[in-house]
ModelCIF file with pLDDT and N, C-alpha, C, O atoms, coordinates in Angstrom:
data_MODEL
#
_entry.id   MODEL 
#
_entity.id                         1 
_entity.type                       polymer 
_entity.pdbx_number_of_molecules   1 
#
_entity_poly.entity_id                      1 
_entity_poly.type                           'polypeptide(L)' 
_entity_poly.nstd_linkage                   no 
_entity_poly.nstd_monomer                   no 
_entity_poly.pdbx_seq_one_letter_code       AKPLDINIPYRETGYFAADKAGGTALRFTVKRGKKISIAITKKPANIN 
_entity_poly.pdbx_seq_one_letter_code_can   AKPLDINIPYRETGYFAADKAGGTALRFTVKRGKKISIAITKKPANIN 
_entity_poly.pdbx_strand_id                 A 
#
loop_
_entity_poly_seq.entity_id 
_entity_poly_seq.num 
_entity_poly_seq.mon_id 
_entity_poly_seq.hetero 
1 1  ALA n 
1 2  LYS n 
1 3  PRO n 
1 4  LEU n 
1 5  ASP n 
1 6  ILE n 
1 7  ASN n 
1 8  ILE n 
1 9  PRO n 
1 10 TYR n 
1 11 ARG n 
1 12 GLU n 
1 13 THR n 
1 14 GLY n 
1 15 TYR n 
1 16 PHE n 
1 17 ALA n 
1 18 ALA n 
1 19 ASP n 
1 20 LYS n 
1 21 ALA n 
1 22 GLY n 
1 23 GLY n 
1 24 THR n 
1 25 ALA n 
1 26 LEU n 
1 27 ARG n 
1 28 PHE n 
1 29 THR n 
1 30 VAL n 
1 31 LYS n 
1 32 ARG n 
1 33 GLY n 
1 34 LYS n 
1 35 LYS n 
1 36 ILE n 
1 37 SER n 
1 38 ILE n 
1 39 ALA n 
1 40 ILE n 
1 41 THR n 
1 42 LYS n 
1 43 LYS n 
1 44 PRO n 
1 45 ALA n 
1 46 ASN n 
1 47 ILE n 
1 48 ASN n 
#
_struct_asym.id          A 
_struct_asym.entity_id   1 
#
loop_
_ma_qa_metric.id 
_ma_qa_metric.mode 
_ma_qa_metric.name 
_ma_qa_metric.software_group_id 
_ma_qa_metric.type 
1 global pLDDT . pLDDT 
2 local  pLDDT . pLDDT 
#
_ma_qa_metric_global.metric_id      1 
_ma_qa_metric_global.metric_value   95.17 
_ma_qa_metric_global.model_id       1 
_ma_qa_metric_global.ordinal_id     1 
#
loop_
_ma_qa_metric_local.label_asym_id 
_ma_qa_metric_local.label_comp_id 
_ma_qa_metric_local.label_seq_id 
_ma_qa_metric_local.metric_id 
_ma_qa_metric_local.metric_value 
_ma_qa_metric_local.model_id 
_ma_qa_metric_local.ordinal_id 
A ALA 1  2 94.00 1 1  
A LYS 2  2 93.00 1 2  
A PRO 3  2 96.00 1 3  
A LEU 4  2 96.00 1 4  
A ASP 5  2 97.00 1 5  
A ILE 6  2 97.00 1 6  
A ASN 7  2 96.00 1 7  
A ILE 8  2 96.00 1 8  
A PRO 9  2 97.00 1 9  
A TYR 10 2 98.00 1 10 
A ARG 11 2 98.00 1 11 
A GLU 12 2 98.00 1 12 
A THR 13 2 98.00 1 13 
A GLY 14 2 98.00 1 14 
A TYR 15 2 97.00 1 15 
A PHE 16 2 96.00 1 16 
A ALA 17 2 94.00 1 17 
A ALA 18 2 92.00 1 18 
A ASP 19 2 88.00 1 19 
A LYS 20 2 86.00 1 20 
A ALA 21 2 86.00 1 21 
A GLY 22 2 91.00 1 22 
A GLY 23 2 95.00 1 23 
A THR 24 2 96.00 1 24 
A ALA 25 2 97.00 1 25 
A LEU 26 2 98.00 1 26 
A ARG 27 2 97.00 1 27 
A PHE 28 2 98.00 1 28 
A THR 29 2 97.00 1 29 
A VAL 30 2 97.00 1 30 
A LYS 31 2 96.00 1 31 
A ARG 32 2 97.00 1 32 
A GLY 33 2 97.00 1 33 
A LYS 34 2 97.00 1 34 
A LYS 35 2 97.00 1 35 
A ILE 36 2 96.00 1 36 
A SER 37 2 97.00 1 37 
A ILE 38 2 97.00 1 38 
A ALA 39 2 97.00 1 39 
A ILE 40 2 96.00 1 40 
A THR 41 2 96.00 1 41 
A LYS 42 2 95.00 1 42 
A LYS 43 2 95.00 1 43 
A PRO 44 2 94.00 1 44 
A ALA 45 2 91.00 1 45 
A ASN 46 2 89.00 1 46 
A ILE 47 2 91.00 1 47 
A ASN 48 2 93.00 1 48 
#
loop_
_atom_site.group_PDB 
_atom_site.id 
_atom_site.type_symbol 
_atom_site.label_atom_id 
_atom_site.label_alt_id 
_atom_site.label_comp_id 
_atom_site.label_asym_id 
_atom_site.label_entity_id 
_atom_site.label_seq_id 
_atom_site.pdbx_PDB_ins_code 
_atom_site.Cartn_x 
_atom_site.Cartn_y 
_atom_site.Cartn_z 
_atom_site.occupancy 
_atom_site.B_iso_or_equiv 
_atom_site.pdbx_formal_charge 
_atom_site.auth_seq_id 
_atom_site.auth_comp_id 
_atom_site.auth_asym_id 
_atom_site.auth_atom_id 
_atom_site.pdbx_PDB_model_num 
ATOM 1   N N  . ALA A 1 1  ? 2.145  15.143 -18.054 1.00 94.00 ? 1  ALA A N  1 
ATOM 2   C CA . ALA A 1 1  ? 1.191  14.635 -19.089 1.00 94.00 ? 1  ALA A CA 1 
ATOM 3   C C  . ALA A 1 1  ? 1.651  15.220 -20.543 1.00 94.00 ? 1  ALA A C  1 
ATOM 4   O O  . ALA A 1 1  ? 1.285  14.674 -21.584 1.00 94.00 ? 1  ALA A O  1 
ATOM 5   N N  . LYS A 1 2  ? 2.387  16.243 -20.527 1.00 93.00 ? 2  LYS A N  1 
ATOM 6   C CA . LYS A 1 2  ? 2.862  16.818 -21.859 1.00 93.00 ? 2  LYS A CA 1 
ATOM 7   C C  . LYS A 1 2  ? 4.344  17.138 -21.791 1.00 93.00 ? 2  LYS A C  1 
ATOM 8   O O  . LYS A 1 2  ? 4.737  18.301 -21.711 1.00 93.00 ? 2  LYS A O  1 
ATOM 9   N N  . PRO A 1 3  ? 5.135  16.131 -21.823 1.00 96.00 ? 3  PRO A N  1 
ATOM 10  C CA . PRO A 1 3  ? 6.593  16.402 -21.731 1.00 96.00 ? 3  PRO A CA 1 
ATOM 11  C C  . PRO A 1 3  ? 7.167  16.703 -23.087 1.00 96.00 ? 3  PRO A C  1 
ATOM 12  O O  . PRO A 1 3  ? 6.589  16.344 -24.113 1.00 96.00 ? 3  PRO A O  1 
ATOM 13  N N  . LEU A 1 4  ? 8.298  17.358 -23.095 1.00 96.00 ? 4  LEU A N  1 
ATOM 14  C CA . LEU A 1 4  ? 9.112  17.603 -24.298 1.00 96.00 ? 4  LEU A CA 1 
ATOM 15  C C  . LEU A 1 4  ? 10.071 16.493 -24.486 1.00 96.00 ? 4  LEU A C  1 
ATOM 16  O O  . LEU A 1 4  ? 10.380 15.791 -23.524 1.00 96.00 ? 4  LEU A O  1 
ATOM 17  N N  . ASP A 1 5  ? 10.590 16.279 -25.733 1.00 97.00 ? 5  ASP A N  1 
ATOM 18  C CA . ASP A 1 5  ? 11.493 15.233 -25.915 1.00 97.00 ? 5  ASP A CA 1 
ATOM 19  C C  . ASP A 1 5  ? 12.970 15.762 -26.057 1.00 97.00 ? 5  ASP A C  1 
ATOM 20  O O  . ASP A 1 5  ? 13.181 16.804 -26.678 1.00 97.00 ? 5  ASP A O  1 
ATOM 21  N N  . ILE A 1 6  ? 13.921 15.092 -25.521 1.00 97.00 ? 6  ILE A N  1 
ATOM 22  C CA . ILE A 1 6  ? 15.352 15.500 -25.650 1.00 97.00 ? 6  ILE A CA 1 
ATOM 23  C C  . ILE A 1 6  ? 16.149 14.220 -25.941 1.00 97.00 ? 6  ILE A C  1 
ATOM 24  O O  . ILE A 1 6  ? 15.653 13.111 -25.742 1.00 97.00 ? 6  ILE A O  1 
ATOM 25  N N  . ASN A 1 7  ? 17.361 14.386 -26.403 1.00 96.00 ? 7  ASN A N  1 
ATOM 26  C CA . ASN A 1 7  ? 18.347 13.291 -26.532 1.00 96.00 ? 7  ASN A CA 1 
ATOM 27  C C  . ASN A 1 7  ? 19.457 13.568 -25.554 1.00 96.00 ? 7  ASN A C  1 
ATOM 28  O O  . ASN A 1 7  ? 19.871 14.711 -25.361 1.00 96.00 ? 7  ASN A O  1 
ATOM 29  N N  . ILE A 1 8  ? 19.932 12.510 -24.943 1.00 96.00 ? 8  ILE A N  1 
ATOM 30  C CA . ILE A 1 8  ? 21.038 12.671 -23.978 1.00 96.00 ? 8  ILE A CA 1 
ATOM 31  C C  . ILE A 1 8  ? 22.319 12.556 -24.851 1.00 96.00 ? 8  ILE A C  1 
ATOM 32  O O  . ILE A 1 8  ? 22.339 11.687 -25.722 1.00 96.00 ? 8  ILE A O  1 
ATOM 33  N N  . PRO A 1 9  ? 23.312 13.314 -24.690 1.00 97.00 ? 9  PRO A N  1 
ATOM 34  C CA . PRO A 1 9  ? 23.526 14.308 -23.527 1.00 97.00 ? 9  PRO A CA 1 
ATOM 35  C C  . PRO A 1 9  ? 22.682 15.610 -23.878 1.00 97.00 ? 9  PRO A C  1 
ATOM 36  O O  . PRO A 1 9  ? 22.413 15.909 -25.042 1.00 97.00 ? 9  PRO A O  1 
ATOM 37  N N  . TYR A 1 10 ? 22.313 16.311 -22.847 1.00 98.00 ? 10 TYR A N  1 
ATOM 38  C CA . TYR A 1 10 ? 21.447 17.463 -22.995 1.00 98.00 ? 10 TYR A CA 1 
ATOM 39  C C  . TYR A 1 10 ? 21.830 18.454 -21.922 1.00 98.00 ? 10 TYR A C  1 
ATOM 40  O O  . TYR A 1 10 ? 22.171 18.112 -20.789 1.00 98.00 ? 10 TYR A O  1 
ATOM 41  N N  . ARG A 1 11 ? 21.752 19.746 -22.359 1.00 98.00 ? 11 ARG A N  1 
ATOM 42  C CA . ARG A 1 11 ? 21.959 20.868 -21.340 1.00 98.00 ? 11 ARG A CA 1 
ATOM 43  C C  . ARG A 1 11 ? 20.972 22.059 -21.753 1.00 98.00 ? 11 ARG A C  1 
ATOM 44  O O  . ARG A 1 11 ? 20.772 22.436 -22.907 1.00 98.00 ? 11 ARG A O  1 
ATOM 45  N N  . GLU A 1 12 ? 20.460 22.521 -20.723 1.00 98.00 ? 12 GLU A N  1 
ATOM 46  C CA . GLU A 1 12 ? 19.672 23.828 -20.887 1.00 98.00 ? 12 GLU A CA 1 
ATOM 47  C C  . GLU A 1 12 ? 19.869 24.723 -19.701 1.00 98.00 ? 12 GLU A C  1 
ATOM 48  O O  . GLU A 1 12 ? 20.131 24.322 -18.567 1.00 98.00 ? 12 GLU A O  1 
ATOM 49  N N  . THR A 1 13 ? 19.715 26.010 -20.075 1.00 98.00 ? 13 THR A N  1 
ATOM 50  C CA . THR A 1 13 ? 19.753 27.053 -19.032 1.00 98.00 ? 13 THR A CA 1 
ATOM 51  C C  . THR A 1 13 ? 18.395 27.722 -19.148 1.00 98.00 ? 13 THR A C  1 
ATOM 52  O O  . THR A 1 13 ? 17.950 28.111 -20.228 1.00 98.00 ? 13 THR A O  1 
ATOM 53  N N  . GLY A 1 14 ? 17.760 27.840 -18.001 1.00 98.00 ? 14 GLY A N  1 
ATOM 54  C CA . GLY A 1 14 ? 16.442 28.360 -17.989 1.00 98.00 ? 14 GLY A CA 1 
ATOM 55  C C  . GLY A 1 14 ? 16.216 29.345 -16.863 1.00 98.00 ? 14 GLY A C  1 
ATOM 56  O O  . GLY A 1 14 ? 17.147 29.678 -16.130 1.00 98.00 ? 14 GLY A O  1 
ATOM 57  N N  . TYR A 1 15 ? 14.987 29.815 -16.717 1.00 97.00 ? 15 TYR A N  1 
ATOM 58  C CA . TYR A 1 15 ? 14.630 30.912 -15.733 1.00 97.00 ? 15 TYR A CA 1 
ATOM 59  C C  . TYR A 1 15 ? 13.244 30.569 -15.092 1.00 97.00 ? 15 TYR A C  1 
ATOM 60  O O  . TYR A 1 15 ? 12.286 30.305 -15.819 1.00 97.00 ? 15 TYR A O  1 
ATOM 61  N N  . PHE A 1 16 ? 13.152 30.574 -13.875 1.00 96.00 ? 16 PHE A N  1 
ATOM 62  C CA . PHE A 1 16 ? 11.905 30.459 -13.158 1.00 96.00 ? 16 PHE A CA 1 
ATOM 63  C C  . PHE A 1 16 ? 11.494 31.747 -12.481 1.00 96.00 ? 16 PHE A C  1 
ATOM 64  O O  . PHE A 1 16 ? 12.258 32.256 -11.661 1.00 96.00 ? 16 PHE A O  1 
ATOM 65  N N  . ALA A 1 17 ? 10.366 32.287 -12.765 1.00 94.00 ? 17 ALA A N  1 
ATOM 66  C CA . ALA A 1 17 ? 10.058 33.664 -12.249 1.00 94.00 ? 17 ALA A CA 1 
ATOM 67  C C  . ALA A 1 17 ? 9.126  33.531 -11.006 1.00 94.00 ? 17 ALA A C  1 
ATOM 68  O O  . ALA A 1 17 ? 8.262  32.655 -10.967 1.00 94.00 ? 17 ALA A O  1 
ATOM 69  N N  . ALA A 1 18 ? 9.314  34.393 -10.020 1.00 92.00 ? 18 ALA A N  1 
ATOM 70  C CA . ALA A 1 18 ? 8.614  34.388 -8.775  1.00 92.00 ? 18 ALA A CA 1 
ATOM 71  C C  . ALA A 1 18 ? 7.077  34.465 -8.885  1.00 92.00 ? 18 ALA A C  1 
ATOM 72  O O  . ALA A 1 18 ? 6.336  33.880 -8.096  1.00 92.00 ? 18 ALA A O  1 
ATOM 73  N N  . ASP A 1 19 ? 6.662  35.196 -9.873  1.00 88.00 ? 19 ASP A N  1 
ATOM 74  C CA . ASP A 1 19 ? 5.304  35.562 -10.056 1.00 88.00 ? 19 ASP A CA 1 
ATOM 75  C C  . ASP A 1 19 ? 4.509  34.443 -10.823 1.00 88.00 ? 19 ASP A C  1 
ATOM 76  O O  . ASP A 1 19 ? 3.330  34.616 -11.131 1.00 88.00 ? 19 ASP A O  1 
ATOM 77  N N  . LYS A 1 20 ? 5.164  33.342 -11.107 1.00 86.00 ? 20 LYS A N  1 
ATOM 78  C CA . LYS A 1 20 ? 4.573  32.299 -11.874 1.00 86.00 ? 20 LYS A CA 1 
ATOM 79  C C  . LYS A 1 20 ? 4.892  30.948 -11.194 1.00 86.00 ? 20 LYS A C  1 
ATOM 80  O O  . LYS A 1 20 ? 5.981  30.736 -10.660 1.00 86.00 ? 20 LYS A O  1 
ATOM 81  N N  . ALA A 1 21 ? 3.906  30.061 -11.238 1.00 86.00 ? 21 ALA A N  1 
ATOM 82  C CA . ALA A 1 21 ? 4.041  28.674 -10.829 1.00 86.00 ? 21 ALA A CA 1 
ATOM 83  C C  . ALA A 1 21 ? 4.706  27.887 -12.017 1.00 86.00 ? 21 ALA A C  1 
ATOM 84  O O  . ALA A 1 21 ? 3.971  27.463 -12.909 1.00 86.00 ? 21 ALA A O  1 
ATOM 85  N N  . GLY A 1 22 ? 5.996  27.681 -12.067 1.00 91.00 ? 22 GLY A N  1 
ATOM 86  C CA . GLY A 1 22 ? 6.671  27.128 -13.206 1.00 91.00 ? 22 GLY A CA 1 
ATOM 87  C C  . GLY A 1 22 ? 6.881  25.677 -13.076 1.00 91.00 ? 22 GLY A C  1 
ATOM 88  O O  . GLY A 1 22 ? 6.617  25.100 -12.022 1.00 91.00 ? 22 GLY A O  1 
ATOM 89  N N  . GLY A 1 23 ? 7.342  25.071 -14.101 1.00 95.00 ? 23 GLY A N  1 
ATOM 90  C CA . GLY A 1 23 ? 7.776  23.690 -14.101 1.00 95.00 ? 23 GLY A CA 1 
ATOM 91  C C  . GLY A 1 23 ? 7.983  23.208 -15.536 1.00 95.00 ? 23 GLY A C  1 
ATOM 92  O O  . GLY A 1 23 ? 7.459  23.795 -16.482 1.00 95.00 ? 23 GLY A O  1 
ATOM 93  N N  . THR A 1 24 ? 8.788  22.084 -15.687 1.00 96.00 ? 24 THR A N  1 
ATOM 94  C CA . THR A 1 24 ? 8.989  21.587 -16.965 1.00 96.00 ? 24 THR A CA 1 
ATOM 95  C C  . THR A 1 24 ? 9.256  20.088 -16.938 1.00 96.00 ? 24 THR A C  1 
ATOM 96  O O  . THR A 1 24 ? 9.728  19.620 -15.902 1.00 96.00 ? 24 THR A O  1 
ATOM 97  N N  . ALA A 1 25 ? 9.016  19.332 -17.913 1.00 97.00 ? 25 ALA A N  1 
ATOM 98  C CA . ALA A 1 25 ? 9.171  17.932 -17.963 1.00 97.00 ? 25 ALA A CA 1 
ATOM 99  C C  . ALA A 1 25 ? 9.887  17.569 -19.304 1.00 97.00 ? 25 ALA A C  1 
ATOM 100 O O  . ALA A 1 25 ? 9.520  18.037 -20.382 1.00 97.00 ? 25 ALA A O  1 
ATOM 101 N N  . LEU A 1 26 ? 10.910 16.722 -19.168 1.00 98.00 ? 26 LEU A N  1 
ATOM 102 C CA . LEU A 1 26 ? 11.679 16.311 -20.440 1.00 98.00 ? 26 LEU A CA 1 
ATOM 103 C C  . LEU A 1 26 ? 11.739 14.738 -20.403 1.00 98.00 ? 26 LEU A C  1 
ATOM 104 O O  . LEU A 1 26 ? 11.957 14.086 -19.381 1.00 98.00 ? 26 LEU A O  1 
ATOM 105 N N  . ARG A 1 27 ? 11.508 14.199 -21.702 1.00 97.00 ? 27 ARG A N  1 
ATOM 106 C CA . ARG A 1 27 ? 11.370 12.803 -21.833 1.00 97.00 ? 27 ARG A CA 1 
ATOM 107 C C  . ARG A 1 27 ? 12.568 12.328 -22.767 1.00 97.00 ? 27 ARG A C  1 
ATOM 108 O O  . ARG A 1 27 ? 12.894 12.944 -23.782 1.00 97.00 ? 27 ARG A O  1 
ATOM 109 N N  . PHE A 1 28 ? 13.163 11.218 -22.335 1.00 98.00 ? 28 PHE A N  1 
ATOM 110 C CA . PHE A 1 28 ? 14.278 10.688 -23.127 1.00 98.00 ? 28 PHE A CA 1 
ATOM 111 C C  . PHE A 1 28 ? 14.288 9.164  -23.033 1.00 98.00 ? 28 PHE A C  1 
ATOM 112 O O  . PHE A 1 28 ? 13.597 8.594  -22.189 1.00 98.00 ? 28 PHE A O  1 
ATOM 113 N N  . THR A 1 29 ? 15.054 8.507  -23.879 1.00 97.00 ? 29 THR A N  1 
ATOM 114 C CA . THR A 1 29 ? 15.180 7.097  -23.901 1.00 97.00 ? 29 THR A CA 1 
ATOM 115 C C  . THR A 1 29 ? 16.680 6.723  -23.510 1.00 97.00 ? 29 THR A C  1 
ATOM 116 O O  . THR A 1 29 ? 17.658 7.373  -23.878 1.00 97.00 ? 29 THR A O  1 
ATOM 117 N N  . VAL A 1 30 ? 16.721 5.618  -22.735 1.00 97.00 ? 30 VAL A N  1 
ATOM 118 C CA . VAL A 1 30 ? 18.089 5.190  -22.171 1.00 97.00 ? 30 VAL A CA 1 
ATOM 119 C C  . VAL A 1 30 ? 18.111 3.688  -22.183 1.00 97.00 ? 30 VAL A C  1 
ATOM 120 O O  . VAL A 1 30 ? 17.067 3.078  -21.951 1.00 97.00 ? 30 VAL A O  1 
ATOM 121 N N  . LYS A 1 31 ? 19.274 3.027  -22.447 1.00 96.00 ? 31 LYS A N  1 
ATOM 122 C CA . LYS A 1 31 ? 19.462 1.613  -22.488 1.00 96.00 ? 31 LYS A CA 1 
ATOM 123 C C  . LYS A 1 31 ? 19.776 1.042  -21.080 1.00 96.00 ? 31 LYS A C  1 
ATOM 124 O O  . LYS A 1 31 ? 20.493 1.688  -20.315 1.00 96.00 ? 31 LYS A O  1 
ATOM 125 N N  . ARG A 1 32 ? 19.287 -0.079 -20.747 1.00 97.00 ? 32 ARG A N  1 
ATOM 126 C CA . ARG A 1 32 ? 19.641 -0.784 -19.586 1.00 97.00 ? 32 ARG A CA 1 
ATOM 127 C C  . ARG A 1 32 ? 21.184 -0.828 -19.432 1.00 97.00 ? 32 ARG A C  1 
ATOM 128 O O  . ARG A 1 32 ? 21.934 -1.096 -20.371 1.00 97.00 ? 32 ARG A O  1 
ATOM 129 N N  . GLY A 1 33 ? 21.598 -0.544 -18.169 1.00 97.00 ? 33 GLY A N  1 
ATOM 130 C CA . GLY A 1 33 ? 23.123 -0.618 -17.872 1.00 97.00 ? 33 GLY A CA 1 
ATOM 131 C C  . GLY A 1 33 ? 23.770 0.643  -17.839 1.00 97.00 ? 33 GLY A C  1 
ATOM 132 O O  . GLY A 1 33 ? 24.876 0.771  -17.314 1.00 97.00 ? 33 GLY A O  1 
ATOM 133 N N  . LYS A 1 34 ? 23.061 1.726  -18.445 1.00 97.00 ? 34 LYS A N  1 
ATOM 134 C CA . LYS A 1 34 ? 23.550 3.041  -18.255 1.00 97.00 ? 34 LYS A CA 1 
ATOM 135 C C  . LYS A 1 34 ? 23.306 3.659  -16.988 1.00 97.00 ? 34 LYS A C  1 
ATOM 136 O O  . LYS A 1 34 ? 22.320 3.307  -16.341 1.00 97.00 ? 34 LYS A O  1 
ATOM 137 N N  . LYS A 1 35 ? 24.115 4.572  -16.538 1.00 97.00 ? 35 LYS A N  1 
ATOM 138 C CA . LYS A 1 35 ? 23.839 5.321  -15.294 1.00 97.00 ? 35 LYS A CA 1 
ATOM 139 C C  . LYS A 1 35 ? 23.619 6.816  -15.656 1.00 97.00 ? 35 LYS A C  1 
ATOM 140 O O  . LYS A 1 35 ? 24.528 7.462  -16.177 1.00 97.00 ? 35 LYS A O  1 
ATOM 141 N N  . ILE A 1 36 ? 22.468 7.336  -15.391 1.00 96.00 ? 36 ILE A N  1 
ATOM 142 C CA . ILE A 1 36 ? 22.037 8.596  -15.758 1.00 96.00 ? 36 ILE A CA 1 
ATOM 143 C C  . ILE A 1 36 ? 22.566 9.599  -14.649 1.00 96.00 ? 36 ILE A C  1 
ATOM 144 O O  . ILE A 1 36 ? 22.487 9.310  -13.455 1.00 96.00 ? 36 ILE A O  1 
ATOM 145 N N  . SER A 1 37 ? 23.066 10.699 -15.064 1.00 97.00 ? 37 SER A N  1 
ATOM 146 C CA . SER A 1 37 ? 23.606 11.731 -14.106 1.00 97.00 ? 37 SER A CA 1 
ATOM 147 C C  . SER A 1 37 ? 22.981 13.030 -14.434 1.00 97.00 ? 37 SER A C  1 
ATOM 148 O O  . SER A 1 37 ? 23.114 13.531 -15.551 1.00 97.00 ? 37 SER A O  1 
ATOM 149 N N  . ILE A 1 38 ? 22.284 13.601 -13.459 1.00 97.00 ? 38 ILE A N  1 
ATOM 150 C CA . ILE A 1 38 ? 21.429 14.834 -13.639 1.00 97.00 ? 38 ILE A CA 1 
ATOM 151 C C  . ILE A 1 38 ? 21.978 15.845 -12.678 1.00 97.00 ? 38 ILE A C  1 
ATOM 152 O O  . ILE A 1 38 ? 21.864 15.687 -11.463 1.00 97.00 ? 38 ILE A O  1 
ATOM 153 N N  . ALA A 1 39 ? 22.590 16.916 -13.229 1.00 97.00 ? 39 ALA A N  1 
ATOM 154 C CA . ALA A 1 39 ? 23.154 17.972 -12.354 1.00 97.00 ? 39 ALA A CA 1 
ATOM 155 C C  . ALA A 1 39 ? 22.478 19.304 -12.650 1.00 97.00 ? 39 ALA A C  1 
ATOM 156 O O  . ALA A 1 39 ? 22.205 19.657 -13.797 1.00 97.00 ? 39 ALA A O  1 
ATOM 157 N N  . ILE A 1 40 ? 22.211 20.053 -11.522 1.00 96.00 ? 40 ILE A N  1 
ATOM 158 C CA . ILE A 1 40 ? 21.508 21.326 -11.698 1.00 96.00 ? 40 ILE A CA 1 
ATOM 159 C C  . ILE A 1 40 ? 22.354 22.297 -10.901 1.00 96.00 ? 40 ILE A C  1 
ATOM 160 O O  . ILE A 1 40 ? 22.610 22.083 -9.716  1.00 96.00 ? 40 ILE A O  1 
ATOM 161 N N  . THR A 1 41 ? 22.798 23.390 -11.568 1.00 96.00 ? 41 THR A N  1 
ATOM 162 C CA . THR A 1 41 ? 23.352 24.623 -10.876 1.00 96.00 ? 41 THR A CA 1 
ATOM 163 C C  . THR A 1 41 ? 22.369 25.693 -10.860 1.00 96.00 ? 41 THR A C  1 
ATOM 164 O O  . THR A 1 41 ? 21.557 25.802 -11.779 1.00 96.00 ? 41 THR A O  1 
ATOM 165 N N  . LYS A 1 42 ? 22.392 26.510 -9.847  1.00 95.00 ? 42 LYS A N  1 
ATOM 166 C CA . LYS A 1 42 ? 21.348 27.434 -9.708  1.00 95.00 ? 42 LYS A CA 1 
ATOM 167 C C  . LYS A 1 42 ? 21.964 28.928 -9.351  1.00 95.00 ? 42 LYS A C  1 
ATOM 168 O O  . LYS A 1 42 ? 22.998 29.057 -8.697  1.00 95.00 ? 42 LYS A O  1 
ATOM 169 N N  . LYS A 1 43 ? 21.291 29.898 -9.801  1.00 95.00 ? 43 LYS A N  1 
ATOM 170 C CA . LYS A 1 43 ? 21.565 31.280 -9.414  1.00 95.00 ? 43 LYS A CA 1 
ATOM 171 C C  . LYS A 1 43 ? 20.343 32.043 -8.955  1.00 95.00 ? 43 LYS A C  1 
ATOM 172 O O  . LYS A 1 43 ? 19.528 32.398 -9.806  1.00 95.00 ? 43 LYS A O  1 
ATOM 173 N N  . PRO A 1 44 ? 20.152 32.319 -7.696  1.00 94.00 ? 44 PRO A N  1 
ATOM 174 C CA . PRO A 1 44 ? 21.048 32.184 -6.567  1.00 94.00 ? 44 PRO A CA 1 
ATOM 175 C C  . PRO A 1 44 ? 21.133 30.686 -6.156  1.00 94.00 ? 44 PRO A C  1 
ATOM 176 O O  . PRO A 1 44 ? 20.221 29.904 -6.423  1.00 94.00 ? 44 PRO A O  1 
ATOM 177 N N  . ALA A 1 45 ? 22.245 30.321 -5.505  1.00 91.00 ? 45 ALA A N  1 
ATOM 178 C CA . ALA A 1 45 ? 22.432 28.841 -5.243  1.00 91.00 ? 45 ALA A CA 1 
ATOM 179 C C  . ALA A 1 45 ? 21.510 28.335 -4.192  1.00 91.00 ? 45 ALA A C  1 
ATOM 180 O O  . ALA A 1 45 ? 21.375 27.117 -4.085  1.00 91.00 ? 45 ALA A O  1 
ATOM 181 N N  . ASN A 1 46 ? 20.834 29.176 -3.372  1.00 89.00 ? 46 ASN A N  1 
ATOM 182 C CA . ASN A 1 46 ? 19.985 28.734 -2.273  1.00 89.00 ? 46 ASN A CA 1 
ATOM 183 C C  . ASN A 1 46 ? 18.528 28.520 -2.616  1.00 89.00 ? 46 ASN A C  1 
ATOM 184 O O  . ASN A 1 46 ? 17.731 28.293 -1.705  1.00 89.00 ? 46 ASN A O  1 
ATOM 185 N N  . ILE A 1 47 ? 18.113 28.581 -3.939  1.00 91.00 ? 47 ILE A N  1 
ATOM 186 C CA . ILE A 1 47 ? 16.692 28.367 -4.205  1.00 91.00 ? 47 ILE A CA 1 
ATOM 187 C C  . ILE A 1 47 ? 16.538 26.833 -4.380  1.00 91.00 ? 47 ILE A C  1 
ATOM 188 O O  . ILE A 1 47 ? 17.500 26.147 -4.726  1.00 91.00 ? 47 ILE A O  1 
ATOM 189 N N  . ASN A 1 48 ? 15.323 26.310 -4.137  1.00 93.00 ? 48 ASN A N  1 
ATOM 190 C CA . ASN A 1 48 ? 15.002 24.948 -4.331  1.00 93.00 ? 48 ASN A CA 1 
ATOM 191 C C  . ASN A 1 48 ? 14.307 24.729 -5.593  1.00 93.00 ? 48 ASN A C  1 
ATOM 192 O O  . ASN A 1 48 ? 13.956 23.595 -5.916  1.00 93.00 ? 48 ASN A O  1 
#
């Protein structure tokens, strides 16, 4: 309901803490015909 705005290409490094129920939403515009690629690397790698 309250996303932040970004422009593609975009990269961020963030942190989710165990003692908080976290989350984020990012809004952007794209033209028809583009293929969006979204990659996430994690530390540790086994978190969901």
